[in-house]
Amino acid sequence: MKRREPLGLDMTPVVDIIFILLIFFLVSSVFKKEELALMLELPKAGASKEVKEEKTLSIELSKDSLAVNGKKVRYEEVISKILPLAKDGKIIMFYIDKDVPYSRLVRMLDLLKKHSLNKLALITKEE
């Protein structure tokens, strides 16, 4: 007498299709990198203007930290990080926490002005 094998679905093609779909969605989707390294609460403003992302350089300033292009740096290292990137005429986007002391902001702006980095955009939240 011949033994019958139980009938069942072959799962191999299903797994192959799932992997193909997964690869398709990973390749076709766009991942936006989190642009801020510091957790800032930006002040609100009514008037705003869009700045093209490809010609920008970001500086984040909080009470006790500083970041350039999403990486924390010390105050002494800021110019060495910014100068090579800003020579291409990039706009420096300044993200400043609303609780930053005015003297800290002036110190940073003075440092940028001393190196002739005048293309600044102060970023705020829309009301």
N, C-alpha and C. Protein backbone atom coordinates (compact mmCIF):
# COMPACT_ATOMS: atom_id res chain seq x y z
N MET A 1 0.84 -1.16 0.00
CA MET A 1 0.00 0.00 0.00
C MET A 1 0.90 1.24 0.00
N LYS A 2 0.54 2.23 -0.80
CA LYS A 2 1.30 3.45 -0.98
C LYS A 2 0.85 4.50 0.04
N ARG A 3 1.85 5.14 0.73
CA ARG A 3 1.51 6.18 1.71
C ARG A 3 1.27 7.50 1.00
N ARG A 4 0.29 8.18 1.44
CA ARG A 4 -0.02 9.50 0.88
C ARG A 4 0.63 10.58 1.73
N GLU A 5 1.25 11.50 1.04
CA GLU A 5 1.81 12.64 1.77
C GLU A 5 0.72 13.67 1.97
N PRO A 6 0.74 14.33 3.12
CA PRO A 6 -0.30 15.35 3.36
C PRO A 6 -0.15 16.52 2.39
N LEU A 7 -1.27 17.02 1.94
CA LEU A 7 -1.26 18.16 1.03
C LEU A 7 -0.99 19.43 1.82
N GLY A 8 -0.18 20.31 1.26
CA GLY A 8 0.13 21.57 1.93
C GLY A 8 0.63 22.58 0.90
N LEU A 9 0.65 23.80 1.30
CA LEU A 9 1.12 24.85 0.41
C LEU A 9 2.64 24.98 0.53
N ASP A 10 3.26 25.17 -0.60
CA ASP A 10 4.69 25.43 -0.60
C ASP A 10 4.88 26.93 -0.36
N MET A 11 5.53 27.29 0.72
CA MET A 11 5.66 28.69 1.14
C MET A 11 6.84 29.40 0.48
N THR A 12 7.69 28.69 -0.21
CA THR A 12 8.88 29.30 -0.81
C THR A 12 8.55 30.43 -1.79
N PRO A 13 7.62 30.25 -2.72
CA PRO A 13 7.31 31.38 -3.62
C PRO A 13 6.70 32.58 -2.89
N VAL A 14 5.95 32.35 -1.85
CA VAL A 14 5.34 33.44 -1.09
C VAL A 14 6.43 34.25 -0.39
N VAL A 15 7.40 33.58 0.20
CA VAL A 15 8.50 34.26 0.87
C VAL A 15 9.32 35.04 -0.15
N ASP A 16 9.56 34.47 -1.32
CA ASP A 16 10.30 35.17 -2.38
C ASP A 16 9.59 36.46 -2.79
N ILE A 17 8.30 36.40 -2.96
CA ILE A 17 7.53 37.58 -3.37
C ILE A 17 7.56 38.65 -2.27
N ILE A 18 7.48 38.23 -1.02
CA ILE A 18 7.52 39.19 0.09
C ILE A 18 8.87 39.90 0.12
N PHE A 19 9.95 39.15 -0.06
CA PHE A 19 11.28 39.78 -0.09
C PHE A 19 11.44 40.72 -1.28
N ILE A 20 10.91 40.35 -2.43
CA ILE A 20 10.99 41.22 -3.60
C ILE A 20 10.23 42.52 -3.35
N LEU A 21 9.03 42.42 -2.76
CA LEU A 21 8.26 43.62 -2.43
C LEU A 21 8.97 44.48 -1.39
N LEU A 22 9.56 43.85 -0.40
CA LEU A 22 10.30 44.59 0.62
C LEU A 22 11.47 45.35 0.01
N ILE A 23 12.22 44.70 -0.84
CA ILE A 23 13.34 45.37 -1.52
C ILE A 23 12.84 46.51 -2.40
N PHE A 24 11.74 46.30 -3.11
CA PHE A 24 11.18 47.35 -3.96
C PHE A 24 10.81 48.58 -3.15
N PHE A 25 10.12 48.39 -2.02
CA PHE A 25 9.70 49.53 -1.22
C PHE A 25 10.88 50.22 -0.54
N LEU A 26 11.90 49.48 -0.14
CA LEU A 26 13.08 50.10 0.46
C LEU A 26 13.85 50.93 -0.56
N VAL A 27 13.95 50.44 -1.78
CA VAL A 27 14.69 51.17 -2.81
C VAL A 27 13.92 52.37 -3.31
N SER A 28 12.61 52.27 -3.41
CA SER A 28 11.83 53.36 -3.99
C SER A 28 11.40 54.42 -2.98
N SER A 29 11.55 54.16 -1.69
CA SER A 29 11.14 55.16 -0.71
C SER A 29 12.29 56.11 -0.41
N VAL A 30 11.93 57.29 0.08
CA VAL A 30 12.91 58.32 0.41
C VAL A 30 12.92 58.48 1.92
N PHE A 31 14.11 58.37 2.50
CA PHE A 31 14.25 58.54 3.93
C PHE A 31 14.78 59.93 4.21
N LYS A 32 14.07 60.68 5.01
CA LYS A 32 14.52 62.02 5.37
C LYS A 32 15.27 61.93 6.67
N LYS A 33 16.50 62.37 6.64
CA LYS A 33 17.34 62.35 7.82
C LYS A 33 16.87 63.43 8.79
N GLU A 34 16.85 63.09 10.03
CA GLU A 34 16.51 64.09 11.05
C GLU A 34 17.56 65.18 11.01
N GLU A 35 17.13 66.40 10.73
CA GLU A 35 18.10 67.46 10.48
C GLU A 35 18.63 68.14 11.73
N LEU A 36 17.94 68.04 12.84
CA LEU A 36 18.39 68.71 14.04
C LEU A 36 19.02 67.71 15.01
N ALA A 37 20.20 68.03 15.49
CA ALA A 37 20.88 67.18 16.46
C ALA A 37 20.47 67.54 17.88
N LEU A 38 20.15 68.79 18.12
CA LEU A 38 19.76 69.25 19.45
C LEU A 38 18.24 69.40 19.50
N MET A 39 17.67 69.15 20.65
CA MET A 39 16.23 69.33 20.83
C MET A 39 15.97 70.81 21.12
N LEU A 40 15.57 71.54 20.09
CA LEU A 40 15.36 72.98 20.22
C LEU A 40 13.88 73.31 20.17
N GLU A 41 13.52 74.33 20.90
CA GLU A 41 12.17 74.89 20.79
C GLU A 41 12.34 76.26 20.14
N LEU A 42 12.04 76.30 18.84
CA LEU A 42 12.26 77.52 18.07
C LEU A 42 11.19 78.56 18.39
N PRO A 43 11.55 79.83 18.36
CA PRO A 43 10.54 80.88 18.55
C PRO A 43 9.61 80.94 17.35
N LYS A 44 8.45 81.53 17.55
CA LYS A 44 7.46 81.63 16.47
C LYS A 44 7.57 82.97 15.78
N ALA A 45 7.29 82.96 14.47
CA ALA A 45 7.29 84.21 13.69
C ALA A 45 6.20 84.13 12.64
N GLY A 46 5.66 85.28 12.27
CA GLY A 46 4.58 85.31 11.29
C GLY A 46 5.08 85.28 9.85
N ALA A 47 6.11 86.03 9.54
CA ALA A 47 6.63 86.09 8.17
C ALA A 47 7.73 85.06 8.01
N SER A 48 7.68 84.33 6.89
CA SER A 48 8.74 83.35 6.65
C SER A 48 9.00 83.24 5.15
N LYS A 49 10.17 82.76 4.81
CA LYS A 49 10.57 82.61 3.43
C LYS A 49 11.28 81.27 3.29
N GLU A 50 10.97 80.52 2.23
CA GLU A 50 11.60 79.23 2.00
C GLU A 50 13.04 79.40 1.54
N VAL A 51 13.92 78.51 2.01
CA VAL A 51 15.32 78.49 1.59
C VAL A 51 15.58 77.14 0.94
N LYS A 52 16.26 77.14 -0.21
CA LYS A 52 16.55 75.89 -0.89
C LYS A 52 17.50 75.06 -0.04
N GLU A 53 17.15 73.78 0.15
CA GLU A 53 17.89 72.90 1.04
C GLU A 53 19.30 72.57 0.54
N GLU A 54 19.53 72.48 -0.77
CA GLU A 54 20.82 72.01 -1.26
C GLU A 54 21.94 73.04 -1.08
N LYS A 55 21.61 74.30 -0.86
CA LYS A 55 22.63 75.34 -0.70
C LYS A 55 22.65 75.87 0.72
N THR A 56 22.51 74.95 1.69
CA THR A 56 22.46 75.40 3.07
C THR A 56 23.45 74.66 3.95
N LEU A 57 23.72 75.27 5.07
CA LEU A 57 24.57 74.72 6.12
C LEU A 57 23.85 75.07 7.42
N SER A 58 23.68 74.12 8.32
CA SER A 58 22.89 74.41 9.51
C SER A 58 23.76 74.50 10.76
N ILE A 59 23.42 75.48 11.60
CA ILE A 59 24.03 75.64 12.92
C ILE A 59 22.89 75.65 13.92
N GLU A 60 23.01 74.80 14.94
CA GLU A 60 22.01 74.74 16.00
C GLU A 60 22.64 75.25 17.28
N LEU A 61 21.90 76.10 17.98
CA LEU A 61 22.43 76.71 19.20
C LEU A 61 21.40 76.56 20.31
N SER A 62 21.82 75.91 21.39
CA SER A 62 20.96 75.82 22.57
C SER A 62 21.72 76.45 23.74
N LYS A 63 21.14 76.39 24.93
CA LYS A 63 21.77 77.02 26.09
C LYS A 63 23.19 76.52 26.33
N ASP A 64 23.40 75.22 26.17
CA ASP A 64 24.70 74.66 26.53
C ASP A 64 25.34 73.83 25.42
N SER A 65 24.73 73.74 24.24
CA SER A 65 25.29 72.92 23.17
C SER A 65 25.29 73.67 21.85
N LEU A 66 26.10 73.15 20.94
CA LEU A 66 26.24 73.73 19.61
C LEU A 66 26.43 72.59 18.63
N ALA A 67 25.76 72.65 17.47
CA ALA A 67 25.88 71.60 16.46
C ALA A 67 26.00 72.23 15.08
N VAL A 68 26.82 71.61 14.25
CA VAL A 68 27.00 72.04 12.86
C VAL A 68 26.62 70.87 11.97
N ASN A 69 25.64 71.09 11.09
CA ASN A 69 25.13 70.05 10.19
C ASN A 69 24.76 68.76 10.93
N GLY A 70 24.13 68.89 12.08
CA GLY A 70 23.63 67.74 12.81
C GLY A 70 24.65 67.03 13.68
N LYS A 71 25.84 67.59 13.84
CA LYS A 71 26.87 66.97 14.68
C LYS A 71 27.31 67.97 15.75
N LYS A 72 27.30 67.52 17.01
CA LYS A 72 27.69 68.39 18.11
C LYS A 72 29.18 68.75 17.99
N VAL A 73 29.48 70.02 18.23
CA VAL A 73 30.86 70.50 18.21
C VAL A 73 31.06 71.46 19.38
N ARG A 74 32.32 71.70 19.71
CA ARG A 74 32.64 72.69 20.72
C ARG A 74 32.73 74.05 20.04
N TYR A 75 32.61 75.11 20.83
CA TYR A 75 32.64 76.47 20.28
C TYR A 75 33.95 76.74 19.54
N GLU A 76 35.05 76.23 20.06
CA GLU A 76 36.36 76.45 19.46
C GLU A 76 36.49 75.80 18.08
N GLU A 77 35.70 74.75 17.81
CA GLU A 77 35.78 74.00 16.56
C GLU A 77 34.82 74.52 15.48
N VAL A 78 33.96 75.45 15.82
CA VAL A 78 32.90 75.87 14.90
C VAL A 78 33.46 76.39 13.58
N ILE A 79 34.38 77.31 13.63
CA ILE A 79 34.89 77.92 12.40
C ILE A 79 35.63 76.89 11.56
N SER A 80 36.39 76.00 12.18
CA SER A 80 37.10 74.98 11.39
C SER A 80 36.12 74.03 10.69
N LYS A 81 34.94 73.84 11.24
CA LYS A 81 33.92 73.00 10.60
C LYS A 81 33.15 73.76 9.53
N ILE A 82 32.91 75.05 9.75
CA ILE A 82 32.05 75.83 8.86
C ILE A 82 32.79 76.36 7.63
N LEU A 83 34.00 76.87 7.80
CA LEU A 83 34.71 77.53 6.70
C LEU A 83 34.83 76.69 5.43
N PRO A 84 35.23 75.41 5.50
CA PRO A 84 35.31 74.65 4.25
C PRO A 84 33.95 74.46 3.57
N LEU A 85 32.89 74.39 4.36
CA LEU A 85 31.56 74.17 3.80
C LEU A 85 30.91 75.46 3.29
N ALA A 86 31.22 76.59 3.92
CA ALA A 86 30.56 77.85 3.59
C ALA A 86 31.21 78.60 2.44
N LYS A 87 32.36 78.17 1.98
CA LYS A 87 33.04 78.88 0.90
C LYS A 87 32.31 78.77 -0.43
N ASP A 88 31.42 77.81 -0.56
CA ASP A 88 30.66 77.62 -1.80
C ASP A 88 29.48 78.57 -1.91
N GLY A 89 29.38 79.56 -1.04
CA GLY A 89 28.27 80.50 -1.07
C GLY A 89 27.01 79.94 -0.44
N LYS A 90 27.15 78.97 0.44
CA LYS A 90 25.98 78.38 1.08
C LYS A 90 25.40 79.34 2.12
N ILE A 91 24.11 79.24 2.27
CA ILE A 91 23.41 80.02 3.29
C ILE A 91 23.50 79.26 4.61
N ILE A 92 23.86 79.96 5.67
CA ILE A 92 23.94 79.35 6.99
C ILE A 92 22.58 79.48 7.66
N MET A 93 21.93 78.34 7.89
CA MET A 93 20.63 78.33 8.54
C MET A 93 20.87 78.20 10.05
N PHE A 94 20.41 79.18 10.79
CA PHE A 94 20.66 79.29 12.22
C PHE A 94 19.42 78.85 12.98
N TYR A 95 19.48 77.71 13.67
CA TYR A 95 18.40 77.23 14.52
C TYR A 95 18.77 77.59 15.95
N ILE A 96 18.01 78.49 16.56
CA ILE A 96 18.35 78.99 17.89
C ILE A 96 17.18 78.71 18.84
N ASP A 97 17.48 78.04 19.93
CA ASP A 97 16.46 77.77 20.93
C ASP A 97 15.96 79.08 21.51
N LYS A 98 14.68 79.14 21.84
CA LYS A 98 14.12 80.41 22.30
C LYS A 98 14.64 80.82 23.68
N ASP A 99 15.24 79.90 24.42
CA ASP A 99 15.76 80.21 25.75
C ASP A 99 17.26 80.51 25.76
N VAL A 100 17.88 80.64 24.60
CA VAL A 100 19.32 80.94 24.54
C VAL A 100 19.54 82.38 24.97
N PRO A 101 20.51 82.60 25.87
CA PRO A 101 20.81 83.98 26.27
C PRO A 101 21.29 84.81 25.08
N TYR A 102 20.90 86.04 25.06
CA TYR A 102 21.25 86.94 23.96
C TYR A 102 22.76 87.06 23.79
N SER A 103 23.50 87.05 24.88
CA SER A 103 24.96 87.17 24.80
C SER A 103 25.59 86.00 24.06
N ARG A 104 25.03 84.80 24.22
CA ARG A 104 25.54 83.61 23.51
C ARG A 104 25.30 83.74 22.01
N LEU A 105 24.14 84.24 21.65
CA LEU A 105 23.81 84.45 20.24
C LEU A 105 24.72 85.51 19.62
N VAL A 106 24.93 86.61 20.31
CA VAL A 106 25.79 87.68 19.81
C VAL A 106 27.22 87.19 19.65
N ARG A 107 27.68 86.39 20.58
CA ARG A 107 29.03 85.83 20.48
C ARG A 107 29.18 84.98 19.22
N MET A 108 28.17 84.18 18.93
CA MET A 108 28.21 83.32 17.73
C MET A 108 28.13 84.15 16.46
N LEU A 109 27.24 85.13 16.42
CA LEU A 109 27.11 85.99 15.24
C LEU A 109 28.38 86.81 15.00
N ASP A 110 29.01 87.26 16.09
CA ASP A 110 30.25 88.01 15.98
C ASP A 110 31.36 87.13 15.39
N LEU A 111 31.41 85.88 15.80
CA LEU A 111 32.41 84.95 15.27
C LEU A 111 32.21 84.73 13.76
N LEU A 112 30.97 84.59 13.34
CA LEU A 112 30.68 84.41 11.91
C LEU A 112 31.02 85.67 11.12
N LYS A 113 30.69 86.84 11.68
CA LYS A 113 30.96 88.10 10.98
C LYS A 113 32.46 88.33 10.83
N LYS A 114 33.24 87.94 11.84
CA LYS A 114 34.68 88.11 11.80
C LYS A 114 35.31 87.33 10.62
N HIS A 115 34.67 86.23 10.23
CA HIS A 115 35.16 85.41 9.12
C HIS A 115 34.38 85.66 7.83
N SER A 116 33.68 86.79 7.77
CA SER A 116 32.91 87.22 6.59
C SER A 116 31.86 86.21 6.14
N LEU A 117 31.23 85.56 7.09
CA LEU A 117 30.13 84.65 6.80
C LEU A 117 28.83 85.40 7.06
N ASN A 118 28.33 86.07 6.02
CA ASN A 118 27.20 86.98 6.19
C ASN A 118 25.87 86.44 5.68
N LYS A 119 25.88 85.33 4.98
CA LYS A 119 24.63 84.78 4.45
C LYS A 119 23.97 83.93 5.52
N LEU A 120 23.12 84.57 6.32
CA LEU A 120 22.47 83.90 7.45
C LEU A 120 20.96 83.89 7.27
N ALA A 121 20.36 82.82 7.74
CA ALA A 121 18.90 82.73 7.81
C ALA A 121 18.54 82.24 9.21
N LEU A 122 17.80 83.05 9.95
CA LEU A 122 17.36 82.66 11.28
C LEU A 122 16.06 81.89 11.13
N ILE A 123 16.05 80.63 11.56
CA ILE A 123 14.91 79.74 11.35
C ILE A 123 13.98 79.82 12.56
N THR A 124 12.69 79.94 12.27
CA THR A 124 11.66 79.99 13.31
C THR A 124 10.54 79.04 12.96
N LYS A 125 9.63 78.84 13.90
CA LYS A 125 8.42 78.07 13.63
C LYS A 125 7.34 79.02 13.14
N GLU A 126 6.47 78.52 12.27
CA GLU A 126 5.35 79.35 11.83
C GLU A 126 4.29 79.41 12.92
N GLU A 127 3.62 80.53 13.01
CA GLU A 127 2.56 80.69 14.02
C GLU A 127 1.35 79.91 13.63
